[in-house]
């Protein structure tokens, strides 16, 4: 894909109500996404796509998760909602046969892994930015989650 074609994609993204474009051609993959201000950001990725399945990569997203925590109106202010920092698939454990990272009633520490959100074959570990007692897990294992969707409720006084 040449520069002119990429600029055409950017124009399409700016002129329509879409937030992201992703294309795969001739073993190359390109993704262009708008940032939250509505402007088009730089090309996020342009990499070769292999024919064989690659092992998942793990990425820490604690800094992102911190931005998406809020006091929950739905839980009467008794806890802090931990929200998904990205769109993907929620997993409670690091492997299908492993124990879940956390269970209801567990004491949670700051920086403790809570779950994995898989997005585009990359495993993103979500860590807690608050300490307290885990009150509720709001999603089921292997369930798709949306950006900013509440995942957990943690009682900081617990």
Protein backbone atom coordinates (compact mmCIF):
# COMPACT_ATOMS: atom_id res chain seq x y z
CA UNK A 1 0.00 0.00 0.00
CA UNK A 2 1.48 3.34 -0.99
CA UNK A 3 1.32 6.72 0.71
CA UNK A 4 -1.45 7.99 -1.58
CA UNK A 5 -3.70 5.02 -0.73
CA UNK A 6 -3.05 5.51 2.99
CA UNK A 7 -3.97 9.20 2.72
CA UNK A 8 -7.20 8.21 0.95
CA UNK A 9 -8.05 5.94 3.88
CA UNK A 10 -7.36 8.80 6.30
CA UNK A 11 -9.74 11.06 4.33
CA UNK A 12 -12.44 8.37 4.44
CA UNK A 13 -11.97 8.03 8.20
CA UNK A 14 -12.21 11.80 8.73
CA UNK A 15 -15.28 12.27 6.53
CA UNK A 16 -17.38 9.41 7.92
CA UNK A 17 -18.62 8.45 11.37
CA UNK A 18 -16.22 5.54 11.78
CA UNK A 19 -13.42 5.33 14.30
CA UNK A 20 -11.13 2.73 12.77
CA UNK A 21 -10.13 1.14 9.47
CA UNK A 22 -8.12 -2.08 9.19
CA UNK A 23 -6.94 -3.71 5.96
CA UNK A 24 -4.94 -6.84 5.17
CA UNK A 25 -3.44 -7.26 1.72
CA UNK A 26 -0.55 -9.20 0.27
CA UNK A 27 0.75 -10.28 3.67
CA UNK A 28 0.67 -6.72 5.06
CA UNK A 29 -1.73 -5.38 7.64
CA UNK A 30 -2.53 -1.72 8.32
CA UNK A 31 -4.82 -0.17 10.93
CA UNK A 32 -5.73 3.52 11.15
CA UNK A 33 -7.78 4.81 14.08
CA UNK A 34 -9.16 8.14 15.24
CA UNK A 35 -8.02 9.31 18.63
CA UNK A 36 -10.61 10.40 21.20
CA UNK A 37 -10.43 14.04 20.10
CA UNK A 38 -11.87 13.05 16.72
CA UNK A 39 -8.61 13.51 14.81
CA UNK A 40 -7.00 10.69 12.91
CA UNK A 41 -4.00 9.27 14.72
CA UNK A 42 -0.90 7.88 13.11
CA UNK A 43 -0.95 4.42 11.62
CA UNK A 44 -1.16 2.10 14.60
CA UNK A 45 0.35 -0.95 12.98
CA UNK A 46 1.75 -2.06 9.68
CA UNK A 47 3.21 -5.53 10.01
CA UNK A 48 3.57 -8.74 8.12
CA UNK A 49 0.86 -11.31 8.73
CA UNK A 50 2.20 -14.84 8.93
CA UNK A 51 0.33 -17.81 7.55
CA UNK A 52 0.78 -19.76 10.80
CA UNK A 53 -0.82 -18.87 14.10
CA UNK A 54 1.52 -16.92 16.35
CA UNK A 55 1.74 -17.30 20.11
CA UNK A 56 -0.21 -14.62 21.99
CA UNK A 57 1.73 -11.67 23.34
CA UNK A 58 1.06 -10.33 26.82
CA UNK A 59 0.84 -6.58 27.31
CA UNK A 60 0.38 -4.72 30.59
CA UNK A 61 -2.49 -2.21 30.48
CA UNK A 62 -2.53 -1.06 34.09
CA UNK A 63 -2.06 2.60 33.18
CA UNK A 64 -5.01 2.46 30.82
CA UNK A 65 -7.20 0.62 33.31
CA UNK A 66 -6.58 3.32 35.92
CA UNK A 67 -8.17 5.93 33.67
CA UNK A 68 -11.34 3.85 33.36
CA UNK A 69 -12.13 3.25 37.01
CA UNK A 70 -15.02 5.15 38.54
CA UNK A 71 -17.28 5.11 41.54
CA UNK A 72 -20.26 3.04 40.59
CA UNK A 73 -23.69 4.58 40.74
CA UNK A 74 -25.13 1.12 40.19
CA UNK A 75 -23.53 -0.29 43.34
CA UNK A 76 -24.63 2.54 45.66
CA UNK A 77 -21.10 3.92 46.07
CA UNK A 78 -19.94 0.78 47.90
CA UNK A 79 -17.18 0.02 45.45
CA UNK A 80 -14.98 1.04 42.59
CA UNK A 81 -15.76 -0.26 39.12
CA UNK A 82 -12.81 -1.60 37.18
CA UNK A 83 -13.65 -1.10 33.50
CA UNK A 84 -12.27 -2.67 30.36
CA UNK A 85 -9.55 -0.50 28.83
CA UNK A 86 -10.13 -2.06 25.38
CA UNK A 87 -12.56 -4.06 23.27
CA UNK A 88 -11.82 -7.79 23.33
CA UNK A 89 -12.54 -11.11 25.01
CA UNK A 90 -12.48 -11.37 28.83
CA UNK A 91 -10.57 -14.25 30.41
CA UNK A 92 -10.42 -14.89 34.17
CA UNK A 93 -7.26 -17.02 34.04
CA UNK A 94 -3.92 -16.99 32.20
CA UNK A 95 -4.70 -20.38 30.60
CA UNK A 96 -7.84 -22.49 30.11
CA UNK A 97 -6.75 -25.05 32.72
CA UNK A 98 -5.37 -22.50 35.23
CA UNK A 99 -7.01 -21.07 38.34
CA UNK A 100 -8.67 -17.66 37.88
CA UNK A 101 -6.61 -14.62 38.80
CA UNK A 102 -9.22 -13.54 41.39
CA UNK A 103 -12.44 -14.78 42.99
CA UNK A 104 -15.28 -12.94 44.74
CA UNK A 105 -14.26 -12.30 48.34
CA UNK A 106 -10.51 -12.14 47.60
CA UNK A 107 -8.46 -9.25 48.96
CA UNK A 108 -7.06 -7.34 45.99
CA UNK A 109 -3.78 -5.41 46.07
CA UNK A 110 -2.71 -2.54 43.86
CA UNK A 111 -0.99 -3.94 40.77
CA UNK A 112 -2.51 -7.40 41.16
CA UNK A 113 -3.58 -8.99 37.85
CA UNK A 114 -7.38 -9.27 37.64
CA UNK A 115 -7.99 -10.70 34.18
CA UNK A 116 -6.85 -10.81 30.57
CA UNK A 117 -8.55 -9.03 27.68
CA UNK A 118 -7.60 -10.64 24.37
CA UNK A 119 -7.61 -8.24 21.44
CA UNK A 120 -6.25 -9.20 18.02
CA UNK A 121 -4.33 -12.22 19.41
CA UNK A 122 -2.63 -10.03 22.03
CA UNK A 123 -3.29 -10.87 25.67
CA UNK A 124 -3.66 -7.64 27.69
CA UNK A 125 -3.29 -8.14 31.45
CA UNK A 126 -5.57 -5.80 33.43
CA UNK A 127 -4.17 -4.95 36.86
CA UNK A 128 -5.95 -3.38 39.82
CA UNK A 129 -5.23 0.24 40.67
CA UNK A 130 -7.05 0.00 44.00
CA UNK A 131 -6.81 -2.36 46.94
CA UNK A 132 -9.76 -3.85 48.75
CA UNK A 133 -12.20 -6.75 48.66
CA UNK A 134 -13.50 -8.08 45.34
CA UNK A 135 -17.27 -7.70 45.62
CA UNK A 136 -18.44 -8.81 42.19
CA UNK A 137 -17.24 -10.08 38.82
CA UNK A 138 -19.59 -8.55 36.26
CA UNK A 139 -18.74 -10.63 33.17
CA UNK A 140 -18.41 -14.33 32.40
CA UNK A 141 -15.25 -16.06 31.24
CA UNK A 142 -14.65 -15.91 27.46
CA UNK A 143 -17.34 -13.22 27.06
CA UNK A 144 -16.74 -10.36 24.60
CA UNK A 145 -16.39 -6.99 26.32
CA UNK A 146 -16.64 -3.43 25.07
CA UNK A 147 -14.38 -0.49 25.79
CA UNK A 148 -15.18 1.03 29.20
CA UNK A 149 -17.50 -1.88 30.15
CA UNK A 150 -17.47 -2.56 33.92
CA UNK A 151 -15.65 -5.83 34.72
CA UNK A 152 -15.25 -5.88 38.52
CA UNK A 153 -16.45 -4.08 41.62
CA UNK A 154 -13.86 -3.68 44.38
CA UNK A 155 -14.75 -2.36 47.85
CA UNK A 156 -11.75 -0.27 48.95
CA UNK A 157 -12.99 -0.40 52.56
CA UNK A 158 -13.17 -4.22 52.51
